[in-house]
Protein backbone atom coordinates (compact mmCIF):
# COMPACT_ATOMS: atom_id res chain seq x y z
CA MET A 1 0.00 0.00 0.00
CA SER A 2 1.45 3.35 -0.99
CA VAL A 3 1.02 6.69 0.72
CA VAL A 4 1.76 10.24 -0.43
CA TYR A 5 2.79 13.39 1.40
CA VAL A 6 -0.07 15.93 1.14
CA CYS A 7 -1.08 19.37 2.35
CA ASN A 8 -4.54 20.91 2.73
CA ASP A 9 -5.19 24.09 0.74
CA ALA A 10 -5.79 26.04 3.95
CA ASP A 11 -2.36 25.05 5.30
CA PHE A 12 -0.40 25.90 2.15
CA ASP A 13 1.46 29.23 1.94
CA ALA A 14 1.71 30.05 -1.77
CA THR A 15 4.16 32.93 -1.29
CA ALA A 16 6.72 30.81 0.56
CA GLY A 17 5.78 27.51 -1.11
CA THR A 18 5.54 25.71 2.23
CA CYS A 19 2.92 23.75 4.12
CA ALA A 20 2.13 24.44 7.77
CA ALA A 21 0.77 20.94 8.51
CA PRO A 22 1.76 18.28 5.95
CA TYR A 23 0.68 14.68 6.53
CA TRP A 24 0.77 11.22 4.92
CA SER A 25 -2.38 9.97 3.21
CA GLN A 26 -3.70 7.49 0.67
CA PRO A 27 -3.36 8.75 -2.92
CA PRO A 28 -6.65 9.85 -4.48
CA SER A 29 -8.27 7.46 -6.92
CA VAL A 30 -10.53 8.07 -9.88
CA PHE A 31 -13.55 6.51 -8.19
CA SER A 32 -12.87 7.55 -4.59
CA GLY A 33 -16.05 9.63 -4.17
CA TRP A 34 -18.37 7.29 -6.05
CA THR A 35 -20.95 5.08 -4.41
CA GLY A 36 -21.95 1.62 -5.59
CA ASP A 37 -25.10 3.11 -7.11
CA ASP A 38 -23.03 5.61 -9.10
CA LEU A 39 -20.81 2.85 -10.48
CA ALA A 40 -23.84 0.71 -11.33
CA SER A 41 -25.45 3.63 -13.19
CA VAL A 42 -22.33 4.25 -15.25
CA ALA A 43 -21.93 0.54 -16.00
CA GLY A 44 -25.57 0.34 -17.07
CA ALA A 45 -25.20 3.35 -19.37
CA VAL A 46 -22.07 1.88 -20.97
CA LEU A 47 -23.76 -1.48 -21.54
CA PHE A 48 -26.82 0.26 -23.01
CA MET A 49 -24.66 2.24 -25.45
CA LEU A 50 -22.80 -0.93 -26.48
CA ALA A 51 -26.14 -2.64 -27.12
CA VAL A 52 -27.35 0.31 -29.23
CA ALA A 53 -24.11 0.30 -31.24
CA TYR A 54 -24.44 -3.45 -31.81
CA VAL A 55 -28.03 -3.07 -33.07
CA ILE A 56 -26.99 -0.23 -35.39
CA ARG A 57 -24.18 -2.41 -36.74
CA ILE A 58 -26.58 -5.31 -37.41
CA VAL A 59 -29.13 -3.05 -39.12
CA HIS A 60 -26.40 -1.43 -41.23
CA LYS A 61 -25.07 -4.84 -42.35
CA GLU A 62 -28.58 -6.01 -43.25
CA ALA A 63 -29.26 -2.82 -45.21
CA GLN A 64 -26.07 -3.28 -47.24
CA SER A 65 -26.89 -6.89 -48.11
CA LEU A 66 -30.25 -5.98 -49.70
């Protein structure tokens, strides 16, 4: 498990480029703020779009063979 050295925005002094209270924390991930329902919604939308693309492909192939 990896950790990173971080600083809160409120503790960072931009003029000096220093942090008043740095600490070690887990690195942020892409899906860190997502709930299971959010992930399920995105997965459902992706599967729906793949199904629509597949149907369009089938219809296009059938139209070309006529």
